[in-house]
């Protein structure tokens, strides 16, 4: 059974399709594998709590990533996480050790 999340009043999205979520104050932008972006009036902190049981990890105050959509990389040598969308996201100094342990 696939897990889905209701993102807005109209959108349902399989969780595995979410690459990462970028927080912008009281809003968040959800970046999907199909390169679609959805702006939602929900804080990143609320998403973090909602995805606690899934493969998501907070790598920065502004980014929550889905580990299942991250290509292989050497966490010990990086300060950024590459995404399946072709961009990289910064890892905060505070989260660096947690990210390194998660991607070991």
PDB file of N, CA and C in Angstrom:
ATOM      1  N   UNK A   1       0.837  -1.182   0.000  1.00  0.00           N
ATOM      2  CA  UNK A   1       0.000   0.000   0.000  1.00  0.00           C
ATOM      3  C   UNK A   1       0.882   1.245   0.000  1.00  0.00           C
ATOM      4  N   UNK A   2       0.633   2.127  -0.917  1.00  0.00           N
ATOM      5  CA  UNK A   2       1.421   3.348  -1.017  1.00  0.00           C
ATOM      6  C   UNK A   2       0.909   4.382  -0.024  1.00  0.00           C
ATOM      7  N   UNK A   3       1.827   5.089   0.613  1.00  0.00           N
ATOM      8  CA  UNK A   3       1.445   6.166   1.514  1.00  0.00           C
ATOM      9  C   UNK A   3       1.228   7.425   0.710  1.00  0.00           C
ATOM     10  N   UNK A   4       0.144   8.125   1.022  1.00  0.00           N
ATOM     11  CA  UNK A   4      -0.141   9.393   0.367  1.00  0.00           C
ATOM     12  C   UNK A   4      -0.350  10.456   1.417  1.00  0.00           C
ATOM     13  N   UNK A   5      -0.179  11.679   0.994  1.00  0.00           N
ATOM     14  CA  UNK A   5      -0.417  12.818   1.862  1.00  0.00           C
ATOM     15  C   UNK A   5      -1.287  13.806   1.110  1.00  0.00           C
ATOM     16  N   UNK A   6      -2.205  14.420   1.823  1.00  0.00           N
ATOM     17  CA  UNK A   6      -3.020  15.467   1.238  1.00  0.00           C
ATOM     18  C   UNK A   6      -2.249  16.768   1.400  1.00  0.00           C
ATOM     19  N   UNK A   7      -1.802  17.338   0.281  1.00  0.00           N
ATOM     20  CA  UNK A   7      -0.983  18.544   0.335  1.00  0.00           C
ATOM     21  C   UNK A   7      -1.829  19.809   0.373  1.00  0.00           C
ATOM     22  N   UNK A   8      -2.855  19.871  -0.433  1.00  0.00           N
ATOM     23  CA  UNK A   8      -3.755  21.021  -0.437  1.00  0.00           C
ATOM     24  C   UNK A   8      -5.170  20.496  -0.513  1.00  0.00           C
ATOM     25  N   UNK A   9      -6.129  21.356  -0.630  1.00  0.00           N
ATOM     26  CA  UNK A   9      -7.516  20.932  -0.736  1.00  0.00           C
ATOM     27  C   UNK A   9      -7.778  20.041  -1.931  1.00  0.00           C
ATOM     28  N   UNK A  10      -6.943  20.128  -2.957  1.00  0.00           N
ATOM     29  CA  UNK A  10      -7.175  19.374  -4.179  1.00  0.00           C
ATOM     30  C   UNK A  10      -6.131  18.304  -4.453  1.00  0.00           C
ATOM     31  N   UNK A  11      -4.932  18.469  -3.945  1.00  0.00           N
ATOM     32  CA  UNK A  11      -3.815  17.592  -4.299  1.00  0.00           C
ATOM     33  C   UNK A  11      -3.583  16.469  -3.295  1.00  0.00           C
ATOM     34  N   UNK A  12      -3.509  15.259  -3.813  1.00  0.00           N
ATOM     35  CA  UNK A  12      -3.030  14.116  -3.042  1.00  0.00           C
ATOM     36  C   UNK A  12      -1.740  13.687  -3.709  1.00  0.00           C
ATOM     37  N   UNK A  13      -0.751  13.353  -2.906  1.00  0.00           N
ATOM     38  CA  UNK A  13       0.561  13.057  -3.464  1.00  0.00           C
ATOM     39  C   UNK A  13       1.163  11.852  -2.757  1.00  0.00           C
ATOM     40  N   UNK A  14       1.658  10.868  -3.530  1.00  0.00           N
ATOM     41  CA  UNK A  14       2.394   9.776  -2.884  1.00  0.00           C
ATOM     42  C   UNK A  14       3.648  10.339  -2.202  1.00  0.00           C
ATOM     43  N   UNK A  15       3.892   9.933  -0.991  1.00  0.00           N
ATOM     44  CA  UNK A  15       5.029  10.449  -0.229  1.00  0.00           C
ATOM     45  C   UNK A  15       6.346  10.196  -0.948  1.00  0.00           C
ATOM     46  N   UNK A  16       6.459   9.054  -1.633  1.00  0.00           N
ATOM     47  CA  UNK A  16       7.707   8.748  -2.321  1.00  0.00           C
ATOM     48  C   UNK A  16       7.976   9.695  -3.488  1.00  0.00           C
ATOM     49  N   UNK A  17       6.988  10.464  -3.937  1.00  0.00           N
ATOM     50  CA  UNK A  17       7.187  11.436  -5.021  1.00  0.00           C
ATOM     51  C   UNK A  17       7.769  12.759  -4.535  1.00  0.00           C
ATOM     52  N   UNK A  18       7.790  12.967  -3.224  1.00  0.00           N
ATOM     53  CA  UNK A  18       8.343  14.196  -2.670  1.00  0.00           C
ATOM     54  C   UNK A  18       9.862  14.073  -2.603  1.00  0.00           C
ATOM     55  N   UNK A  19      10.572  15.001  -3.237  1.00  0.00           N
ATOM     56  CA  UNK A  19      12.031  15.004  -3.201  1.00  0.00           C
ATOM     57  C   UNK A  19      12.495  15.774  -1.975  1.00  0.00           C
ATOM     58  N   UNK A  20      11.996  17.004  -1.815  1.00  0.00           N
ATOM     59  CA  UNK A  20      12.305  17.780  -0.629  1.00  0.00           C
ATOM     60  C   UNK A  20      11.272  18.870  -0.421  1.00  0.00           C
ATOM     61  N   UNK A  21      11.305  19.447   0.768  1.00  0.00           N
ATOM     62  CA  UNK A  21      10.404  20.538   1.120  1.00  0.00           C
ATOM     63  C   UNK A  21      11.263  21.688   1.612  1.00  0.00           C
ATOM     64  N   UNK A  22      10.999  22.871   1.079  1.00  0.00           N
ATOM     65  CA  UNK A  22      11.715  24.073   1.480  1.00  0.00           C
ATOM     66  C   UNK A  22      10.778  24.949   2.302  1.00  0.00           C
ATOM     67  N   UNK A  23      11.214  25.310   3.496  1.00  0.00           N
ATOM     68  CA  UNK A  23      10.411  26.159   4.357  1.00  0.00           C
ATOM     69  C   UNK A  23      10.692  27.629   4.100  1.00  0.00           C
ATOM     70  N   UNK A  24       9.628  28.406   4.067  1.00  0.00           N
ATOM     71  CA  UNK A  24       9.725  29.863   3.911  1.00  0.00           C
ATOM     72  C   UNK A  24       8.736  30.515   4.859  1.00  0.00           C
ATOM     73  N   UNK A  25       9.144  30.598   6.122  1.00  0.00           N
ATOM     74  CA  UNK A  25       8.262  31.187   7.132  1.00  0.00           C
ATOM     75  C   UNK A  25       7.059  30.293   7.378  1.00  0.00           C
ATOM     76  N   UNK A  26       5.865  30.853   7.214  1.00  0.00           N
ATOM     77  CA  UNK A  26       4.638  30.092   7.440  1.00  0.00           C
ATOM     78  C   UNK A  26       4.206  29.283   6.222  1.00  0.00           C
ATOM     79  N   UNK A  27       5.000  29.299   5.184  1.00  0.00           N
ATOM     80  CA  UNK A  27       4.714  28.561   3.958  1.00  0.00           C
ATOM     81  C   UNK A  27       5.838  27.572   3.676  1.00  0.00           C
ATOM     82  N   UNK A  28       5.522  26.564   2.886  1.00  0.00           N
ATOM     83  CA  UNK A  28       6.523  25.605   2.439  1.00  0.00           C
ATOM     84  C   UNK A  28       6.300  25.337   0.964  1.00  0.00           C
ATOM     85  N   UNK A  29       7.391  25.030   0.282  1.00  0.00           N
ATOM     86  CA  UNK A  29       7.316  24.642  -1.117  1.00  0.00           C
ATOM     87  C   UNK A  29       7.715  23.177  -1.201  1.00  0.00           C
ATOM     88  N   UNK A  30       6.809  22.362  -1.732  1.00  0.00           N
ATOM     89  CA  UNK A  30       7.056  20.932  -1.885  1.00  0.00           C
ATOM     90  C   UNK A  30       7.560  20.704  -3.309  1.00  0.00           C
ATOM     91  N   UNK A  31       8.746  20.114  -3.427  1.00  0.00           N
ATOM     92  CA  UNK A  31       9.357  19.828  -4.728  1.00  0.00           C
ATOM     93  C   UNK A  31       9.156  18.342  -5.018  1.00  0.00           C
ATOM     94  N   UNK A  32       8.474  18.059  -6.126  1.00  0.00           N
ATOM     95  CA  UNK A  32       8.135  16.688  -6.487  1.00  0.00           C
ATOM     96  C   UNK A  32       9.078  16.129  -7.546  1.00  0.00           C
ATOM     97  N   UNK A  33       9.120  14.817  -7.641  1.00  0.00           N
ATOM     98  CA  UNK A  33      10.001  14.138  -8.586  1.00  0.00           C
ATOM     99  C   UNK A  33       9.692  14.522 -10.036  1.00  0.00           C
ATOM    100  N   UNK A  34       8.443  14.868 -10.333  1.00  0.00           N
ATOM    101  CA  UNK A  34       8.071  15.277 -11.693  1.00  0.00           C
ATOM    102  C   UNK A  34       8.381  16.754 -11.958  1.00  0.00           C
ATOM    103  N   UNK A  35       9.142  17.375 -11.043  1.00  0.00           N
ATOM    104  CA  UNK A  35       9.590  18.766 -11.100  1.00  0.00           C
ATOM    105  C   UNK A  35       8.481  19.779 -10.845  1.00  0.00           C
ATOM    106  N   UNK A  36       7.323  19.312 -10.423  1.00  0.00           N
ATOM    107  CA  UNK A  36       6.230  20.198 -10.037  1.00  0.00           C
ATOM    108  C   UNK A  36       6.527  20.739  -8.647  1.00  0.00           C
ATOM    109  N   UNK A  37       6.092  21.968  -8.389  1.00  0.00           N
ATOM    110  CA  UNK A  37       6.254  22.589  -7.079  1.00  0.00           C
ATOM    111  C   UNK A  37       4.882  22.993  -6.563  1.00  0.00           C
ATOM    112  N   UNK A  38       4.652  22.731  -5.283  1.00  0.00           N
ATOM    113  CA  UNK A  38       3.374  23.085  -4.668  1.00  0.00           C
ATOM    114  C   UNK A  38       3.662  23.944  -3.443  1.00  0.00           C
ATOM    115  N   UNK A  39       3.056  25.125  -3.387  1.00  0.00           N
ATOM    116  CA  UNK A  39       3.205  26.021  -2.239  1.00  0.00           C
ATOM    117  C   UNK A  39       2.057  25.736  -1.274  1.00  0.00           C
ATOM    118  N   UNK A  40       2.421  25.522  -0.007  1.00  0.00           N
ATOM    119  CA  UNK A  40       1.432  25.155   1.001  1.00  0.00           C
ATOM    120  C   UNK A  40       1.590  26.055   2.226  1.00  0.00           C
ATOM    121  N   UNK A  41       0.469  26.477   2.778  1.00  0.00           N
ATOM    122  CA  UNK A  41       0.478  27.313   3.981  1.00  0.00           C
ATOM    123  C   UNK A  41       0.640  26.411   5.208  1.00  0.00           C
ATOM    124  N   UNK A  42       1.850  25.891   5.381  1.00  0.00           N
ATOM    125  CA  UNK A  42       2.179  25.006   6.494  1.00  0.00           C
ATOM    126  C   UNK A  42       3.671  25.160   6.752  1.00  0.00           C
ATOM    127  N   UNK A  43       4.062  25.222   8.016  1.00  0.00           N
ATOM    128  CA  UNK A  43       5.479  25.389   8.331  1.00  0.00           C
ATOM    129  C   UNK A  43       6.252  24.096   8.119  1.00  0.00           C
ATOM    130  N   UNK A  44       7.545  24.244   7.929  1.00  0.00           N
ATOM    131  CA  UNK A  44       8.414  23.082   7.754  1.00  0.00           C
ATOM    132  C   UNK A  44       8.415  22.225   9.021  1.00  0.00           C
ATOM    133  N   UNK A  45       8.296  22.856  10.155  1.00  0.00           N
ATOM    134  CA  UNK A  45       8.253  22.126  11.427  1.00  0.00           C
ATOM    135  C   UNK A  45       7.053  21.168  11.470  1.00  0.00           C
ATOM    136  N   UNK A  46       5.912  21.602  10.937  1.00  0.00           N
ATOM    137  CA  UNK A  46       4.737  20.728  10.902  1.00  0.00           C
ATOM    138  C   UNK A  46       4.944  19.560   9.946  1.00  0.00           C
ATOM    139  N   UNK A  47       5.589  19.824   8.807  1.00  0.00           N
ATOM    140  CA  UNK A  47       5.909  18.733   7.889  1.00  0.00           C
ATOM    141  C   UNK A  47       6.865  17.747   8.549  1.00  0.00           C
ATOM    142  N   UNK A  48       7.838  18.279   9.258  1.00  0.00           N
ATOM    143  CA  UNK A  48       8.819  17.416   9.921  1.00  0.00           C
ATOM    144  C   UNK A  48       8.130  16.468  10.900  1.00  0.00           C
ATOM    145  N   UNK A  49       7.189  16.969  11.664  1.00  0.00           N
ATOM    146  CA  UNK A  49       6.449  16.136  12.605  1.00  0.00           C
ATOM    147  C   UNK A  49       5.572  15.116  11.867  1.00  0.00           C
ATOM    148  N   UNK A  50       4.979  15.534  10.768  1.00  0.00           N
ATOM    149  CA  UNK A  50       4.104  14.661   9.994  1.00  0.00           C
ATOM    150  C   UNK A  50       4.865  13.515   9.340  1.00  0.00           C
ATOM    151  N   UNK A  51       6.100  13.772   8.911  1.00  0.00           N
ATOM    152  CA  UNK A  51       6.893  12.765   8.202  1.00  0.00           C
ATOM    153  C   UNK A  51       7.880  12.037   9.099  1.00  0.00           C
ATOM    154  N   UNK A  52       7.720  12.155  10.381  1.00  0.00           N
ATOM    155  CA  UNK A  52       8.634  11.556  11.349  1.00  0.00           C
ATOM    156  C   UNK A  52       8.844  10.055  11.115  1.00  0.00           C
ATOM    157  N   UNK A  53       7.819   9.351  10.699  1.00  0.00           N
ATOM    158  CA  UNK A  53       7.917   7.901  10.521  1.00  0.00           C
ATOM    159  C   UNK A  53       8.334   7.489   9.111  1.00  0.00           C
ATOM    160  N   UNK A  54       8.588   8.461   8.267  1.00  0.00           N
ATOM    161  CA  UNK A  54       9.005   8.180   6.896  1.00  0.00           C
ATOM    162  C   UNK A  54      10.491   8.500   6.748  1.00  0.00           C
ATOM    163  N   UNK A  55      11.014   8.408   5.554  1.00  0.00           N
ATOM    164  CA  UNK A  55      12.454   8.573   5.313  1.00  0.00           C
ATOM    165  C   UNK A  55      12.869  10.035   5.126  1.00  0.00           C
ATOM    166  N   UNK A  56      12.322  10.925   5.918  1.00  0.00           N
ATOM    167  CA  UNK A  56      12.654  12.339   5.790  1.00  0.00           C
ATOM    168  C   UNK A  56      13.621  12.749   6.887  1.00  0.00           C
ATOM    169  N   UNK A  57      14.513  13.672   6.541  1.00  0.00           N
ATOM    170  CA  UNK A  57      15.494  14.172   7.504  1.00  0.00           C
ATOM    171  C   UNK A  57      15.653  15.675   7.306  1.00  0.00           C
ATOM    172  N   UNK A  58      15.710  16.378   8.413  1.00  0.00           N
ATOM    173  CA  UNK A  58      15.916  17.831   8.387  1.00  0.00           C
ATOM    174  C   UNK A  58      17.409  18.082   8.266  1.00  0.00           C
ATOM    175  N   UNK A  59      17.838  18.715   7.167  1.00  0.00           N
ATOM    176  CA  UNK A  59      19.269  18.944   6.945  1.00  0.00           C
ATOM    177  C   UNK A  59      19.669  20.398   7.169  1.00  0.00           C
ATOM    178  N   UNK A  60      18.670  21.258   7.350  1.00  0.00           N
ATOM    179  CA  UNK A  60      18.910  22.700   7.433  1.00  0.00           C
ATOM    180  C   UNK A  60      17.633  23.319   7.968  1.00  0.00           C
ATOM    181  N   UNK A  61      17.710  24.520   8.495  1.00  0.00           N
ATOM    182  CA  UNK A  61      16.486  25.151   9.005  1.00  0.00           C
ATOM    183  C   UNK A  61      15.448  25.350   7.901  1.00  0.00           C
ATOM    184  N   UNK A  62      15.891  25.338   6.652  1.00  0.00           N
ATOM    185  CA  UNK A  62      14.981  25.569   5.534  1.00  0.00           C
ATOM    186  C   UNK A  62      14.672  24.337   4.690  1.00  0.00           C
ATOM    187  N   UNK A  63      15.274  23.175   4.998  1.00  0.00           N
ATOM    188  CA  UNK A  63      15.102  22.009   4.126  1.00  0.00           C
ATOM    189  C   UNK A  63      14.835  20.715   4.875  1.00  0.00           C
ATOM    190  N   UNK A  64      13.836  20.003   4.382  1.00  0.00           N
ATOM    191  CA  UNK A  64      13.506  18.665   4.837  1.00  0.00           C
ATOM    192  C   UNK A  64      13.560  17.790   3.587  1.00  0.00           C
ATOM    193  N   UNK A  65      14.394  16.754   3.602  1.00  0.00           N
ATOM    194  CA  UNK A  65      14.572  15.945   2.390  1.00  0.00           C
ATOM    195  C   UNK A  65      14.054  14.527   2.590  1.00  0.00           C
ATOM    196  N   UNK A  66      13.668  13.927   1.482  1.00  0.00           N
ATOM    197  CA  UNK A  66      13.258  12.531   1.461  1.00  0.00           C
ATOM    198  C   UNK A  66      14.490  11.710   1.090  1.00  0.00           C
ATOM    199  N   UNK A  67      15.021  10.974   2.035  1.00  0.00           N
ATOM    200  CA  UNK A  67      16.249  10.206   1.795  1.00  0.00           C
ATOM    201  C   UNK A  67      16.097   9.210   0.649  1.00  0.00           C
ATOM    202  N   UNK A  68      14.882   8.759   0.393  1.00  0.00           N
ATOM    203  CA  UNK A  68      14.656   7.792  -0.687  1.00  0.00           C
ATOM    204  C   UNK A  68      14.829   8.409  -2.071  1.00  0.00           C
ATOM    205  N   UNK A  69      14.800   9.729  -2.171  1.00  0.00           N
ATOM    206  CA  UNK A  69      14.954  10.411  -3.457  1.00  0.00           C
ATOM    207  C   UNK A  69      16.296  11.113  -3.600  1.00  0.00           C
ATOM    208  N   UNK A  70      17.265  10.719  -2.800  1.00  0.00           N
ATOM    209  CA  UNK A  70      18.591  11.319  -2.860  1.00  0.00           C
ATOM    210  C   UNK A  70      19.550  10.314  -3.491  1.00  0.00           C
ATOM    211  N   UNK A  71      20.238  10.716  -4.566  1.00  0.00           N
ATOM    212  CA  UNK A  71      21.206   9.793  -5.166  1.00  0.00           C
ATOM    213  C   UNK A  71      22.365   9.527  -4.200  1.00  0.00           C
ATOM    214  N   UNK A  72      23.077   8.466  -4.429  1.00  0.00           N
ATOM    215  CA  UNK A  72      24.204   8.114  -3.564  1.00  0.00           C
ATOM    216  C   UNK A  72      25.250   9.225  -3.557  1.00  0.00           C
ATOM    217  N   UNK A  73      25.780   9.510  -2.393  1.00  0.00           N
ATOM    218  CA  UNK A  73      26.865  10.481  -2.257  1.00  0.00           C
ATOM    219  C   UNK A  73      27.644  10.141  -1.007  1.00  0.00           C
ATOM    220  N   UNK A  74      28.846  10.657  -0.924  1.00  0.00           N
ATOM    221  CA  UNK A  74      29.712  10.394   0.224  1.00  0.00           C
ATOM    222  C   UNK A  74      29.488  11.484   1.268  1.00  0.00           C
ATOM    223  N   UNK A  75      28.642  11.168   2.236  1.00  0.00           N
ATOM    224  CA  UNK A  75      28.253  12.143   3.244  1.00  0.00           C
ATOM    225  C   UNK A  75      29.436  12.681   4.034  1.00  0.00           C
ATOM    226  N   UNK A  76      30.450  11.876   4.261  1.00  0.00           N
ATOM    227  CA  UNK A  76      31.611  12.308   5.044  1.00  0.00           C
ATOM    228  C   UNK A  76      32.381  13.426   4.355  1.00  0.00           C
ATOM    229  N   UNK A  77      32.258  13.529   3.035  1.00  0.00           N
ATOM    230  CA  UNK A  77      33.027  14.509   2.273  1.00  0.00           C
ATOM    231  C   UNK A  77      32.202  15.711   1.819  1.00  0.00           C
ATOM    232  N   UNK A  78      30.919  15.758   2.179  1.00  0.00           N
ATOM    233  CA  UNK A  78      30.032  16.791   1.619  1.00  0.00           C
ATOM    234  C   UNK A  78      29.482  17.746   2.662  1.00  0.00           C
ATOM    235  N   UNK A  79      29.176  18.943   2.206  1.00  0.00           N
ATOM    236  CA  UNK A  79      28.437  19.910   3.018  1.00  0.00           C
ATOM    237  C   UNK A  79      27.141  20.289   2.303  1.00  0.00           C
ATOM    238  N   UNK A  80      26.855  19.557   1.208  1.00  0.00           N
ATOM    239  CA  UNK A  80      25.611  19.708   0.467  1.00  0.00           C
ATOM    240  C   UNK A  80      25.077  18.317   0.132  1.00  0.00           C
ATOM    241  N   UNK A  81      23.765  18.229  -0.027  1.00  0.00           N
ATOM    242  CA  UNK A  81      23.137  16.973  -0.407  1.00  0.00           C
ATOM    243  C   UNK A  81      22.612  17.117  -1.833  1.00  0.00           C
ATOM    244  N   UNK A  82      23.049  16.248  -2.750  1.00  0.00           N
ATOM    245  CA  UNK A  82      22.516  16.303  -4.113  1.00  0.00           C
ATOM    246  C   UNK A  82      21.089  15.743  -4.126  1.00  0.00           C
ATOM    247  N   UNK A  83      20.236  16.277  -4.992  1.00  0.00           N
ATOM    248  CA  UNK A  83      18.879  15.748  -5.108  1.00  0.00           C
ATOM    249  C   UNK A  83      18.699  15.079  -6.463  1.00  0.00           C
ATOM    250  N   UNK A  84      17.645  14.326  -6.587  1.00  0.00           N
ATOM    251  CA  UNK A  84      17.333  13.670  -7.857  1.00  0.00           C
ATOM    252  C   UNK A  84      16.845  14.670  -8.901  1.00  0.00           C
ATOM    253  N   UNK A  85      16.643  15.930  -8.492  1.00  0.00           N
ATOM    254  CA  UNK A  85      16.227  16.980  -9.424  1.00  0.00           C
ATOM    255  C   UNK A  85      17.427  17.675 -10.073  1.00  0.00           C
ATOM    256  N   UNK A  86      18.649  17.292  -9.652  1.00  0.00           N
ATOM    257  CA  UNK A  86      19.854  17.853 -10.257  1.00  0.00           C
ATOM    258  C   UNK A  86      20.449  19.036  -9.512  1.00  0.00           C
ATOM    259  N   UNK A  87      19.827  19.451  -8.421  1.00  0.00           N
ATOM    260  CA  UNK A  87      20.394  20.540  -7.623  1.00  0.00           C
ATOM    261  C   UNK A  87      20.957  19.972  -6.318  1.00  0.00           C
ATOM    262  N   UNK A  88      21.589  20.820  -5.535  1.00  0.00           N
ATOM    263  CA  UNK A  88      22.125  20.427  -4.231  1.00  0.00           C
ATOM    264  C   UNK A  88      21.586  21.356  -3.164  1.00  0.00           C
ATOM    265  N   UNK A  89      21.385  20.817  -1.986  1.00  0.00           N
ATOM    266  CA  UNK A  89      20.875  21.592  -0.857  1.00  0.00           C
ATOM    267  C   UNK A  89      21.934  21.657   0.236  1.00  0.00           C
ATOM    268  N   UNK A  90      22.074  22.818   0.867  1.00  0.00           N
ATOM    269  CA  UNK A  90      23.098  22.953   1.907  1.00  0.00           C
ATOM    270  C   UNK A  90      22.732  22.194   3.183  1.00  0.00           C
ATOM    271  N   UNK A  91      23.747  21.706   3.853  1.00  0.00           N
ATOM    272  CA  UNK A  91      23.591  21.073   5.163  1.00  0.00           C
ATOM    273  C   UNK A  91      24.081  22.092   6.190  1.00  0.00           C
ATOM    274  N   UNK A  92      23.267  22.377   7.188  1.00  0.00           N
ATOM    275  CA  UNK A  92      23.704  23.321   8.210  1.00  0.00           C
ATOM    276  C   UNK A  92      24.786  22.694   9.079  1.00  0.00           C
ATOM    277  N   UNK A  93      25.610  23.516   9.698  1.00  0.00           N
ATOM    278  CA  UNK A  93      26.670  22.995  10.571  1.00  0.00           C
ATOM    279  C   UNK A  93      26.086  22.180  11.710  1.00  0.00           C
ATOM    280  N   UNK A  94      24.945  22.613  12.230  1.00  0.00           N
ATOM    281  CA  UNK A  94      24.321  21.901  13.343  1.00  0.00           C
ATOM    282  C   UNK A  94      23.812  20.520  12.945  1.00  0.00           C
ATOM    283  N   UNK A  95      23.400  20.375  11.703  1.00  0.00           N
ATOM    284  CA  UNK A  95      22.826  19.109  11.232  1.00  0.00           C
ATOM    285  C   UNK A  95      23.844  18.196  10.554  1.00  0.00           C
ATOM    286  N   UNK A  96      25.069  18.674  10.366  1.00  0.00           N
ATOM    287  CA  UNK A  96      26.069  17.941   9.605  1.00  0.00           C
ATOM    288  C   UNK A  96      26.313  16.536  10.153  1.00  0.00           C
ATOM    289  N   UNK A  97      26.524  16.394  11.432  1.00  0.00           N
ATOM    290  CA  UNK A  97      26.801  15.073  12.012  1.00  0.00           C
ATOM    291  C   UNK A  97      25.602  14.145  11.875  1.00  0.00           C
ATOM    292  N   UNK A  98      24.390  14.662  12.084  1.00  0.00           N
ATOM    293  CA  UNK A  98      23.174  13.862  11.924  1.00  0.00           C
ATOM    294  C   UNK A  98      23.039  13.356  10.485  1.00  0.00           C
ATOM    295  N   UNK A  99      23.306  14.231   9.517  1.00  0.00           N
ATOM    296  CA  UNK A  99      23.238  13.841   8.105  1.00  0.00           C
ATOM    297  C   UNK A  99      24.291  12.789   7.798  1.00  0.00           C
ATOM    298  N   UNK A 100      25.482  12.986   8.286  1.00  0.00           N
ATOM    299  CA  UNK A 100      26.546  12.013   8.047  1.00  0.00           C
ATOM    300  C   UNK A 100      26.200  10.650   8.629  1.00  0.00           C
ATOM    301  N   UNK A 101      25.599  10.626   9.804  1.00  0.00           N
ATOM    302  CA  UNK A 101      25.184   9.361  10.411  1.00  0.00           C
ATOM    303  C   UNK A 101      24.051   8.717   9.630  1.00  0.00           C
ATOM    304  N   UNK A 102      23.126   9.528   9.141  1.00  0.00           N
ATOM    305  CA  UNK A 102      21.963   9.013   8.409  1.00  0.00           C
ATOM    306  C   UNK A 102      22.328   8.403   7.071  1.00  0.00           C
ATOM    307  N   UNK A 103      23.325   8.995   6.421  1.00  0.00           N
ATOM    308  CA  UNK A 103      23.731   8.510   5.105  1.00  0.00           C
ATOM    309  C   UNK A 103      24.966   7.619   5.181  1.00  0.00           C
ATOM    310  N   UNK A 104      25.566   7.561   6.389  1.00  0.00           N
ATOM    311  CA  UNK A 104      26.724   6.774   6.731  1.00  0.00           C
ATOM    312  C   UNK A 104      27.557   6.265   5.675  1.00  0.00           C
TER     313      UNK A 104
END
